[in-house]
């Protein structure tokens, strides 16, 4: 069950980063914000592509809690329209 939640949270971060945040950045966006979203999106892509290359992530409860809370925060802000 932890692995399913981990994959779902990684998918939320990947799609939020790819299709919303990174596409709406312009030249006035803060460089730290750009780097943070680039690293978060790349990390989420690594989690989702790991099984293709034979590596299955074994997340701990803390990993799932952290990634799930970050994904939940972005879902809550995206539905309010403040993201």
C-alpha atoms as a PDB file:
ATOM      1  CA  UNK A   1       0.000   0.000   0.000  1.00  0.00           C
ATOM      2  CA  UNK A   2       2.879   2.381   0.737  1.00  0.00           C
ATOM      3  CA  UNK A   3       4.270   1.834  -2.738  1.00  0.00           C
ATOM      4  CA  UNK A   4       0.946   2.703  -4.404  1.00  0.00           C
ATOM      5  CA  UNK A   5       0.661   5.936  -2.406  1.00  0.00           C
ATOM      6  CA  UNK A   6       4.301   6.715  -3.213  1.00  0.00           C
ATOM      7  CA  UNK A   7       3.709   6.240  -6.957  1.00  0.00           C
ATOM      8  CA  UNK A   8       0.523   8.306  -6.901  1.00  0.00           C
ATOM      9  CA  UNK A   9       2.227  11.171  -5.059  1.00  0.00           C
ATOM     10  CA  UNK A  10       5.154  11.064  -7.491  1.00  0.00           C
ATOM     11  CA  UNK A  11       2.730  11.138 -10.435  1.00  0.00           C
ATOM     12  CA  UNK A  12       0.950  14.167  -8.968  1.00  0.00           C
ATOM     13  CA  UNK A  13       4.248  16.021  -8.562  1.00  0.00           C
ATOM     14  CA  UNK A  14       5.401  15.062 -12.055  1.00  0.00           C
ATOM     15  CA  UNK A  15       2.228  16.202 -13.786  1.00  0.00           C
ATOM     16  CA  UNK A  16       1.938  19.342 -11.669  1.00  0.00           C
ATOM     17  CA  UNK A  17       5.527  20.243 -12.476  1.00  0.00           C
ATOM     18  CA  UNK A  18       5.456  19.375 -16.167  1.00  0.00           C
ATOM     19  CA  UNK A  19       2.073  20.636 -17.210  1.00  0.00           C
ATOM     20  CA  UNK A  20       1.439  23.517 -14.883  1.00  0.00           C
ATOM     21  CA  UNK A  21       4.418  25.064 -13.136  1.00  0.00           C
ATOM     22  CA  UNK A  22       7.296  24.687 -15.591  1.00  0.00           C
ATOM     23  CA  UNK A  23       5.118  25.682 -18.552  1.00  0.00           C
ATOM     24  CA  UNK A  24       3.978  28.883 -16.845  1.00  0.00           C
ATOM     25  CA  UNK A  25       7.418  30.150 -15.806  1.00  0.00           C
ATOM     26  CA  UNK A  26       8.790  33.181 -17.569  1.00  0.00           C
ATOM     27  CA  UNK A  27      12.043  35.101 -17.470  1.00  0.00           C
ATOM     28  CA  UNK A  28      10.992  36.888 -14.275  1.00  0.00           C
ATOM     29  CA  UNK A  29      10.643  33.648 -12.284  1.00  0.00           C
ATOM     30  CA  UNK A  30      13.059  33.237  -9.403  1.00  0.00           C
ATOM     31  CA  UNK A  31      16.025  31.005 -10.228  1.00  0.00           C
ATOM     32  CA  UNK A  32      15.726  29.149  -6.918  1.00  0.00           C
ATOM     33  CA  UNK A  33      12.084  28.342  -7.697  1.00  0.00           C
ATOM     34  CA  UNK A  34      13.030  27.125 -11.158  1.00  0.00           C
ATOM     35  CA  UNK A  35      15.746  24.883  -9.772  1.00  0.00           C
ATOM     36  CA  UNK A  36      13.483  23.527  -7.014  1.00  0.00           C
ATOM     37  CA  UNK A  37      10.730  22.587  -9.455  1.00  0.00           C
ATOM     38  CA  UNK A  38      13.208  21.119 -11.907  1.00  0.00           C
ATOM     39  CA  UNK A  39      14.709  18.906  -9.191  1.00  0.00           C
ATOM     40  CA  UNK A  40      11.295  17.902  -7.825  1.00  0.00           C
ATOM     41  CA  UNK A  41      10.000  17.011 -11.283  1.00  0.00           C
ATOM     42  CA  UNK A  42      13.168  15.077 -12.110  1.00  0.00           C
ATOM     43  CA  UNK A  43      12.936  13.175  -8.813  1.00  0.00           C
ATOM     44  CA  UNK A  44       9.297  12.276  -9.463  1.00  0.00           C
ATOM     45  CA  UNK A  45      10.214  11.078 -12.957  1.00  0.00           C
ATOM     46  CA  UNK A  46      12.974   8.918 -11.472  1.00  0.00           C
ATOM     47  CA  UNK A  47      10.521   7.306  -9.044  1.00  0.00           C
ATOM     48  CA  UNK A  48       8.058   6.516 -11.825  1.00  0.00           C
ATOM     49  CA  UNK A  49      10.654   5.232 -14.309  1.00  0.00           C
ATOM     50  CA  UNK A  50      12.658   3.135 -11.822  1.00  0.00           C
ATOM     51  CA  UNK A  51      10.631  -0.088 -12.360  1.00  0.00           C
ATOM     52  CA  UNK A  52      11.329   0.053 -16.100  1.00  0.00           C
ATOM     53  CA  UNK A  53      15.041  -0.254 -15.352  1.00  0.00           C
ATOM     54  CA  UNK A  54      14.575  -3.005 -12.776  1.00  0.00           C
ATOM     55  CA  UNK A  55      14.797  -0.950  -9.586  1.00  0.00           C
ATOM     56  CA  UNK A  56      11.710  -0.960  -7.373  1.00  0.00           C
ATOM     57  CA  UNK A  57      11.719   1.769  -4.741  1.00  0.00           C
ATOM     58  CA  UNK A  58      11.127   0.553  -1.200  1.00  0.00           C
ATOM     59  CA  UNK A  59       9.823   3.687   0.528  1.00  0.00           C
ATOM     60  CA  UNK A  60       9.620   3.939   4.285  1.00  0.00           C
ATOM     61  CA  UNK A  61       6.603   5.399   6.038  1.00  0.00           C
ATOM     62  CA  UNK A  62       8.458   8.713   6.391  1.00  0.00           C
ATOM     63  CA  UNK A  63       9.223   8.852   2.666  1.00  0.00           C
ATOM     64  CA  UNK A  64       5.590   8.278   1.785  1.00  0.00           C
ATOM     65  CA  UNK A  65       4.418  10.797   4.364  1.00  0.00           C
ATOM     66  CA  UNK A  66       6.781  13.469   3.063  1.00  0.00           C
ATOM     67  CA  UNK A  67       6.057  12.936  -0.623  1.00  0.00           C
ATOM     68  CA  UNK A  68       2.325  12.554   0.015  1.00  0.00           C
ATOM     69  CA  UNK A  69       2.130  15.745   2.046  1.00  0.00           C
ATOM     70  CA  UNK A  70       3.982  17.734  -0.614  1.00  0.00           C
ATOM     71  CA  UNK A  71       1.688  16.338  -3.311  1.00  0.00           C
ATOM     72  CA  UNK A  72      -1.377  17.039  -1.166  1.00  0.00           C
ATOM     73  CA  UNK A  73      -0.229  20.614  -0.627  1.00  0.00           C
ATOM     74  CA  UNK A  74       0.104  21.193  -4.358  1.00  0.00           C
ATOM     75  CA  UNK A  75      -3.274  19.579  -5.077  1.00  0.00           C
ATOM     76  CA  UNK A  76      -4.922  21.824  -2.484  1.00  0.00           C
ATOM     77  CA  UNK A  77      -3.296  24.953  -3.887  1.00  0.00           C
ATOM     78  CA  UNK A  78      -4.011  23.987  -7.493  1.00  0.00           C
ATOM     79  CA  UNK A  79      -7.734  23.493  -6.851  1.00  0.00           C
ATOM     80  CA  UNK A  80      -7.933  26.883  -5.137  1.00  0.00           C
ATOM     81  CA  UNK A  81      -6.291  28.496  -8.136  1.00  0.00           C
ATOM     82  CA  UNK A  82      -3.446  30.020  -6.124  1.00  0.00           C
ATOM     83  CA  UNK A  83      -0.654  27.807  -7.431  1.00  0.00           C
END
